[in-house]
Amino acid sequence: MNEHYNGSQQNLSRRLNLIEGQICGIKEMIAEKRLCDDIINQLESTRAALKSLQVLILHNHINTIEIQENSNQEFKDLFMLIKKMLK
């Protein structure tokens, strides 16, 4: 397992399964010619779930990075700010 997943493989798989279910639901809604508003709402929910998954993966990745002592101070500050924002 890649260290970037930081022991959260089950959580990531669960989230992906939920997203997959949402996408299947959208396909069914389109096939059933459901209202555009309903489909758009479901698409937005799916987009939010994907964004949340993206942030989780990035958070796990950033937490595995070690900052080198000789790194530029601006880089260190930016890295720490990003890390703080992802908590």
Protein backbone atom coordinates (compact mmCIF):
# COMPACT_ATOMS: atom_id res chain seq x y z
CA MET A 1 0.00 0.00 0.00
CA ASN A 2 1.26 3.46 -0.86
CA GLU A 3 2.22 5.45 2.24
CA HIS A 4 0.14 8.40 1.00
CA TYR A 5 -3.00 6.55 1.97
CA ASN A 6 -1.80 6.50 5.56
CA GLY A 7 -3.80 3.45 6.57
CA SER A 8 -7.07 4.83 5.20
CA GLN A 9 -7.51 2.43 2.28
CA GLN A 10 -10.89 1.25 3.64
CA ASN A 11 -12.13 4.81 4.03
CA LEU A 12 -11.05 5.71 0.49
CA SER A 13 -12.70 2.57 -0.93
CA ARG A 14 -15.91 3.30 0.98
CA ARG A 15 -16.00 6.86 -0.36
CA LEU A 16 -15.34 5.67 -3.91
CA ASN A 17 -18.15 3.12 -3.62
CA LEU A 18 -20.54 5.87 -2.52
CA ILE A 19 -19.47 8.06 -5.44
CA GLU A 20 -19.90 5.14 -7.80
CA GLY A 21 -23.42 4.66 -6.46
CA GLN A 22 -24.17 8.35 -6.99
CA ILE A 23 -23.00 8.14 -10.60
CA CYS A 24 -25.14 5.05 -11.23
CA GLY A 25 -28.06 6.96 -9.76
CA ILE A 26 -27.43 9.87 -12.12
CA LYS A 27 -27.37 7.50 -15.09
CA GLU A 28 -30.73 6.08 -13.99
CA MET A 29 -32.16 9.56 -13.51
CA ILE A 30 -31.15 10.50 -17.05
CA ALA A 31 -32.60 7.25 -18.46
CA GLU A 32 -35.86 7.95 -16.59
CA LYS A 33 -35.87 11.53 -17.93
CA ARG A 34 -36.06 12.99 -14.44
CA LEU A 35 -36.22 16.73 -13.88
CA CYS A 36 -33.11 18.69 -14.77
CA ASP A 37 -33.01 20.28 -11.30
CA ASP A 38 -32.92 16.85 -9.65
CA ILE A 39 -30.10 15.69 -11.90
CA ILE A 40 -28.14 18.90 -11.35
CA ASN A 41 -28.51 18.53 -7.58
CA GLN A 42 -27.25 14.96 -7.72
CA LEU A 43 -24.33 16.02 -9.94
CA GLU A 44 -23.42 18.73 -7.41
CA SER A 45 -23.53 16.21 -4.57
CA THR A 46 -21.25 13.90 -6.55
CA ARG A 47 -18.86 16.74 -7.34
CA ALA A 48 -18.70 17.65 -3.64
CA ALA A 49 -17.98 14.02 -2.73
CA LEU A 50 -15.15 13.88 -5.30
CA LYS A 51 -13.72 17.15 -3.99
CA SER A 52 -13.83 15.82 -0.45
CA LEU A 53 -12.02 12.66 -1.54
CA GLN A 54 -9.42 14.76 -3.36
CA VAL A 55 -8.78 16.84 -0.24
CA LEU A 56 -8.49 13.70 1.90
CA ILE A 57 -5.90 12.16 -0.43
CA LEU A 58 -3.96 15.43 -0.57
CA HIS A 59 -4.12 15.72 3.22
CA ASN A 60 -2.76 12.20 3.63
CA HIS A 61 -0.01 12.90 1.12
CA ILE A 62 1.06 16.17 2.74
CA ASN A 63 1.22 14.50 6.14
CA THR A 64 3.80 12.04 4.78
CA ILE A 65 6.17 14.74 3.49
CA GLU A 66 9.16 15.66 5.59
CA ILE A 67 10.46 19.20 5.16
CA GLN A 68 14.22 19.32 4.77
CA GLU A 69 16.18 21.61 7.08
CA ASN A 70 17.79 23.33 4.12
CA SER A 71 14.44 24.15 2.47
CA ASN A 72 13.66 27.74 1.56
CA GLN A 73 11.80 29.51 4.41
CA GLU A 74 9.02 30.66 2.04
CA PHE A 75 8.49 27.05 0.99
CA LYS A 76 8.37 25.94 4.62
CA ASP A 77 5.82 28.66 5.44
CA LEU A 78 3.66 27.82 2.44
CA PHE A 79 3.82 24.11 3.18
CA MET A 80 2.81 24.67 6.81
CA LEU A 81 -0.06 26.93 5.74
CA ILE A 82 -1.40 24.30 3.32
CA LYS A 83 -1.04 21.62 5.95
CA LYS A 84 -2.94 23.77 8.45
CA MET A 85 -5.73 24.51 5.96
CA LEU A 86 -6.24 20.80 5.25
CA LYS A 87 -6.84 19.88 8.89
